[in-house]
Amino acid sequence: MHIAEGFLPATHCIGWGVAAAPFVIHGAVQVKRTMKEHPGSGMLLGAAGAFTFVLSAIKIPSVTGSTSHPTGTGFGAVIFKPPVMALLGSIVLLFQSILLAHGGITTLGANIFSMAIVGPWVGYAFYVLTRKLGGGLLPGVFMAAFFADLSTYAVTSMQLALAHPANPGGVGGALATFLGLFAITQIPLAIIEALVTVILMRTLLAVAHSELLDLGFLSRFGDAPAPEAKAADATTDAVAESAASQDAAAASVSGQKQ
């Protein structure tokens, strides 16, 4: 859930905002660099932001009396890496708080920290781990989306527990309560989000293969050769063909002279 206005003390709001700010600034730098180095990545950036906006705007009533929703940040994290999602997620959360009253302005820093920073980094870590253990691209994407979702809710639960410790039980008791509150609906939602993300990735592999290749996404774990490698191979082949043609021509001339 996005933490709404009034659910965090002012000091917590400021603290989470200060903690999130460097990641968002770094994310802005990375987005600018990505657009400069890969001018054709704009559509994919827009798709990643739109996917996060749509999924995280879906509020599903929980049997516990609260609401739950997907996050959508794992998708962009595996394609562009987590720093980019810090900026995209922040923009999404800002617009949702203003236009949809989903989340709050004062709690924006806390929501950014959980959904746009921790979620993408955890999701990307599980993507990398899955790939290094021999898992394929789509299983890696599934793990990224699943754990990006769950980690966001774990951090949100921690933020609420720090702000509202139980009596008795303290922060630990409150954390257990909030985690239990969301687990019933959030674990199934995380599975559904992961499946939807895999379907989206399969679609992109078909319709945006060249863009994904240009970004280097498909060459990180050998799913496809890097563009530089393909260019080098093409150049080598062209040189080899040219040399073969020259040799054939020379042999032909020599045969005619004889």
Protein backbone atom coordinates (compact mmCIF):
# COMPACT_ATOMS: atom_id res chain seq x y z
CA MET A 1 0.00 0.00 0.00
CA HIS A 2 1.03 3.62 -0.43
CA ILE A 3 1.20 5.27 2.98
CA ALA A 4 -1.43 8.03 3.04
CA GLU A 5 -1.30 11.52 4.52
CA GLY A 6 -1.24 11.65 8.30
CA PHE A 7 0.01 8.11 8.89
CA LEU A 8 3.62 9.11 9.58
CA PRO A 9 5.00 11.70 12.01
CA ALA A 10 6.63 14.76 10.46
CA THR A 11 10.11 13.65 11.54
CA HIS A 12 9.64 10.31 9.80
CA CYS A 13 8.40 12.02 6.63
CA ILE A 14 11.48 14.24 6.56
CA GLY A 15 13.83 11.36 7.34
CA TRP A 16 12.50 9.11 4.59
CA GLY A 17 12.54 12.03 2.15
CA VAL A 18 16.18 12.76 2.91
CA ALA A 19 17.05 9.07 2.57
CA ALA A 20 15.31 8.80 -0.81
CA ALA A 21 16.61 12.03 -2.37
CA PRO A 22 20.12 10.84 -3.39
CA PHE A 23 18.67 7.79 -5.15
CA VAL A 24 16.20 9.91 -7.10
CA ILE A 25 18.90 12.38 -8.15
CA HIS A 26 21.15 9.52 -9.23
CA GLY A 27 18.22 8.04 -11.11
CA ALA A 28 17.70 11.29 -13.02
CA VAL A 29 21.36 11.25 -14.05
CA GLN A 30 21.05 7.65 -15.22
CA VAL A 31 17.91 8.37 -17.24
CA LYS A 32 19.67 11.26 -18.97
CA ARG A 33 22.69 9.06 -19.70
CA THR A 34 20.48 6.26 -21.02
CA MET A 35 18.67 8.60 -23.39
CA LYS A 36 21.97 10.05 -24.61
CA GLU A 37 23.61 6.66 -25.22
CA HIS A 38 20.46 4.93 -26.48
CA PRO A 39 18.19 7.51 -28.15
CA GLY A 40 15.76 4.79 -29.20
CA SER A 41 15.05 3.74 -25.61
CA GLY A 42 12.41 6.42 -25.01
CA MET A 43 9.51 4.12 -25.83
CA LEU A 44 10.78 1.44 -23.46
CA LEU A 45 11.27 4.01 -20.70
CA GLY A 46 7.71 5.18 -21.24
CA ALA A 47 6.46 1.59 -21.18
CA ALA A 48 8.26 0.90 -17.91
CA GLY A 49 6.80 4.02 -16.30
CA ALA A 50 3.30 3.34 -17.62
CA PHE A 51 3.40 -0.28 -16.46
CA THR A 52 4.36 0.84 -12.95
CA PHE A 53 1.67 3.54 -12.92
CA VAL A 54 -1.13 1.24 -14.04
CA LEU A 55 -0.28 -1.71 -11.81
CA SER A 56 0.39 0.31 -8.67
CA ALA A 57 -2.82 2.32 -9.18
CA ILE A 58 -4.95 -0.82 -8.94
CA LYS A 59 -6.30 -0.91 -5.39
CA ILE A 60 -7.69 -4.33 -4.50
CA PRO A 61 -9.76 -4.72 -1.30
CA SER A 62 -8.08 -7.01 1.18
CA VAL A 63 -9.87 -9.57 3.34
CA THR A 64 -8.10 -7.92 6.25
CA GLY A 65 -10.00 -4.68 5.68
CA SER A 66 -7.12 -2.87 3.99
CA THR A 67 -6.11 -2.59 0.32
CA SER A 68 -3.31 -4.16 -1.66
CA HIS A 69 -1.92 -3.60 -5.13
CA PRO A 70 0.94 -4.68 -7.42
CA THR A 71 3.94 -2.39 -7.85
CA GLY A 72 5.19 -2.99 -11.40
CA THR A 73 8.76 -1.89 -10.64
CA GLY A 74 10.53 -5.20 -11.27
CA PHE A 75 9.91 -4.92 -15.01
CA GLY A 76 11.79 -1.65 -15.44
CA ALA A 77 14.49 -2.69 -12.99
CA VAL A 78 15.62 -5.68 -15.05
CA ILE A 79 15.64 -3.73 -18.33
CA PHE A 80 17.17 -0.42 -17.22
CA LYS A 81 18.62 -1.43 -13.81
CA PRO A 82 17.33 -0.09 -10.47
CA PRO A 83 18.64 3.53 -10.50
CA VAL A 84 16.38 4.43 -13.43
CA MET A 85 13.35 3.12 -11.56
CA ALA A 86 14.09 5.45 -8.64
CA LEU A 87 13.18 8.38 -10.88
CA LEU A 88 10.36 6.69 -12.80
CA GLY A 89 8.82 5.36 -9.59
CA SER A 90 9.05 8.78 -7.96
CA ILE A 91 7.21 10.39 -10.86
CA VAL A 92 4.53 7.69 -10.71
CA LEU A 93 4.05 8.13 -6.97
CA LEU A 94 3.90 11.91 -7.26
CA PHE A 95 1.19 11.80 -9.94
CA GLN A 96 -0.79 9.17 -8.05
CA SER A 97 -0.75 11.21 -4.86
CA ILE A 98 -1.92 14.34 -6.70
CA LEU A 99 -4.36 12.89 -9.24
CA LEU A 100 -5.66 9.77 -7.53
CA ALA A 101 -5.25 10.61 -3.83
CA HIS A 102 -3.28 7.37 -3.66
CA GLY A 103 -0.53 7.95 -1.14
CA GLY A 104 0.37 11.35 0.18
CA ILE A 105 2.60 14.35 -0.46
CA THR A 106 4.13 14.36 3.02
CA THR A 107 4.66 10.60 2.89
CA LEU A 108 6.08 10.70 -0.64
CA GLY A 109 9.64 10.10 0.54
CA ALA A 110 8.63 6.98 2.46
CA ASN A 111 6.66 5.61 -0.47
CA ILE A 112 9.51 6.33 -2.87
CA PHE A 113 11.97 4.57 -0.59
CA SER A 114 9.88 1.40 -0.38
CA MET A 115 8.47 1.13 -3.93
CA ALA A 116 10.93 2.99 -6.15
CA ILE A 117 14.22 2.18 -4.38
CA VAL A 118 14.14 -0.96 -2.26
CA GLY A 119 11.69 -2.86 -4.49
CA PRO A 120 13.68 -2.44 -7.72
CA TRP A 121 17.01 -3.24 -6.06
CA VAL A 122 15.70 -6.38 -4.39
CA GLY A 123 13.95 -7.48 -7.57
CA TYR A 124 17.08 -6.91 -9.65
CA ALA A 125 19.19 -8.81 -7.13
CA PHE A 126 16.93 -11.85 -7.47
CA TYR A 127 17.00 -11.50 -11.26
CA VAL A 128 20.80 -11.56 -11.28
CA LEU A 129 20.90 -14.44 -8.80
CA THR A 130 18.45 -16.49 -10.87
CA ARG A 131 20.45 -15.91 -14.06
CA LYS A 132 23.77 -16.75 -12.42
CA LEU A 133 22.29 -19.98 -11.07
CA GLY A 134 21.41 -20.99 -14.62
CA GLY A 135 17.82 -19.77 -14.82
CA GLY A 136 16.52 -18.41 -18.09
CA LEU A 137 15.49 -14.84 -18.87
CA LEU A 138 11.78 -15.30 -18.19
CA PRO A 139 12.25 -17.16 -14.87
CA GLY A 140 14.58 -14.33 -13.87
CA VAL A 141 11.93 -11.75 -14.78
CA PHE A 142 9.36 -13.68 -12.75
CA MET A 143 11.60 -13.65 -9.66
CA ALA A 144 12.37 -9.95 -10.10
CA ALA A 145 8.71 -8.94 -10.25
CA PHE A 146 7.71 -11.24 -7.39
CA PHE A 147 10.36 -10.08 -4.93
CA ALA A 148 10.17 -6.41 -5.95
CA ASP A 149 6.52 -6.55 -4.93
CA LEU A 150 7.02 -8.40 -1.65
CA SER A 151 10.03 -6.35 -0.56
CA THR A 152 8.07 -3.13 -1.10
CA TYR A 153 5.40 -4.33 1.32
CA ALA A 154 7.99 -5.52 3.82
CA VAL A 155 9.57 -2.05 3.90
CA THR A 156 6.17 -0.36 4.12
CA SER A 157 5.32 -2.58 7.07
CA MET A 158 8.60 -1.60 8.72
CA GLN A 159 7.93 2.10 8.14
CA LEU A 160 4.49 1.82 9.72
CA ALA A 161 5.84 -0.25 12.61
CA LEU A 162 8.50 2.36 13.37
CA ALA A 163 5.85 5.06 13.35
CA HIS A 164 3.26 3.09 15.32
CA PRO A 165 4.90 0.60 17.71
CA ALA A 166 2.53 -1.80 19.40
CA ASN A 167 1.74 -1.59 23.10
CA PRO A 168 2.73 -4.15 24.21
CA GLY A 169 5.12 -5.57 21.66
CA GLY A 170 6.90 -2.46 20.47
CA VAL A 171 8.20 -2.16 16.92
CA GLY A 172 8.64 -5.91 16.56
CA GLY A 173 5.06 -6.63 17.51
CA ALA A 174 3.75 -3.94 15.18
CA LEU A 175 5.93 -5.24 12.34
CA ALA A 176 4.56 -8.75 12.74
CA THR A 177 1.03 -7.36 12.72
CA PHE A 178 1.51 -5.29 9.57
CA LEU A 179 3.30 -8.11 7.74
CA GLY A 180 0.54 -10.52 8.62
CA LEU A 181 -2.06 -7.97 7.58
CA PHE A 182 -0.74 -7.78 4.04
CA ALA A 183 0.59 -11.32 3.51
CA ILE A 184 -2.84 -12.88 2.91
CA THR A 185 -3.49 -10.81 -0.19
CA GLN A 186 -0.03 -9.63 -1.20
CA ILE A 187 1.60 -13.00 -1.81
CA PRO A 188 -1.05 -14.03 -4.39
CA LEU A 189 -0.89 -10.55 -5.92
CA ALA A 190 2.89 -10.81 -6.22
CA ILE A 191 2.51 -14.11 -8.09
CA ILE A 192 -0.07 -12.58 -10.44
CA GLU A 193 2.12 -9.53 -11.03
CA ALA A 194 5.09 -11.76 -11.83
CA LEU A 195 3.06 -13.71 -14.39
CA VAL A 196 1.78 -10.51 -16.03
CA THR A 197 5.34 -9.17 -16.16
CA VAL A 198 6.55 -12.34 -17.87
CA ILE A 199 3.79 -12.02 -20.47
CA LEU A 200 4.76 -8.40 -21.10
CA MET A 201 8.42 -9.35 -21.46
CA ARG A 202 7.56 -12.11 -23.95
CA THR A 203 5.66 -9.53 -25.98
CA LEU A 204 8.56 -7.07 -25.92
CA LEU A 205 10.99 -9.77 -27.00
CA ALA A 206 8.86 -10.14 -30.12
CA VAL A 207 8.08 -6.49 -30.93
CA ALA A 208 11.04 -4.58 -29.43
CA HIS A 209 13.89 -7.05 -29.79
CA SER A 210 16.22 -4.56 -31.46
CA GLU A 211 15.63 -1.93 -28.76
CA LEU A 212 16.31 -4.45 -25.98
CA LEU A 213 19.44 -5.55 -27.81
CA ASP A 214 20.64 -1.97 -28.21
CA LEU A 215 20.24 -1.39 -24.46
CA GLY A 216 22.44 -4.41 -23.77
CA PHE A 217 19.65 -6.13 -21.86
CA LEU A 218 19.84 -9.28 -23.97
CA SER A 219 23.63 -9.51 -23.84
CA ARG A 220 24.15 -9.26 -20.06
CA PHE A 221 23.75 -12.99 -19.58
CA GLY A 222 24.36 -14.19 -23.12
CA ASP A 223 20.75 -14.25 -24.34
CA ALA A 224 21.99 -12.55 -27.52
CA PRO A 225 25.35 -11.13 -28.65
CA ALA A 226 26.06 -7.51 -27.87
CA PRO A 227 25.56 -5.05 -30.76
CA GLU A 228 29.31 -4.37 -30.80
CA ALA A 229 30.05 -8.07 -31.11
CA LYS A 230 27.55 -8.46 -33.94
CA ALA A 231 29.08 -5.49 -35.75
CA ALA A 232 32.57 -6.90 -35.29
CA ASP A 233 31.45 -10.29 -36.58
CA ALA A 234 29.80 -8.67 -39.59
CA THR A 235 32.98 -6.71 -40.36
CA THR A 236 35.12 -9.82 -40.06
CA ASP A 237 32.79 -11.75 -42.34
CA ALA A 238 32.83 -8.93 -44.90
CA VAL A 239 36.64 -8.79 -44.88
CA ALA A 240 36.84 -12.56 -45.22
CA GLU A 241 34.41 -12.55 -48.15
CA SER A 242 36.34 -9.75 -49.82
CA ALA A 243 39.61 -11.60 -49.43
CA ALA A 244 38.08 -14.79 -50.78
CA SER A 245 36.72 -12.90 -53.79
CA GLN A 246 40.13 -11.37 -54.50
CA ASP A 247 41.80 -14.76 -54.24
CA ALA A 248 39.25 -16.26 -56.60
CA ALA A 249 39.74 -13.42 -59.06
CA ALA A 250 43.51 -13.76 -58.90
CA ALA A 251 43.27 -17.50 -59.46
CA SER A 252 40.99 -16.95 -62.44
CA VAL A 253 43.39 -14.45 -64.03
CA SER A 254 46.33 -16.77 -63.43
CA GLY A 255 44.47 -19.65 -65.05
CA GLN A 256 43.66 -17.58 -68.11
CA LYS A 257 47.31 -16.55 -68.55
CA GLN A 258 48.41 -20.15 -68.47
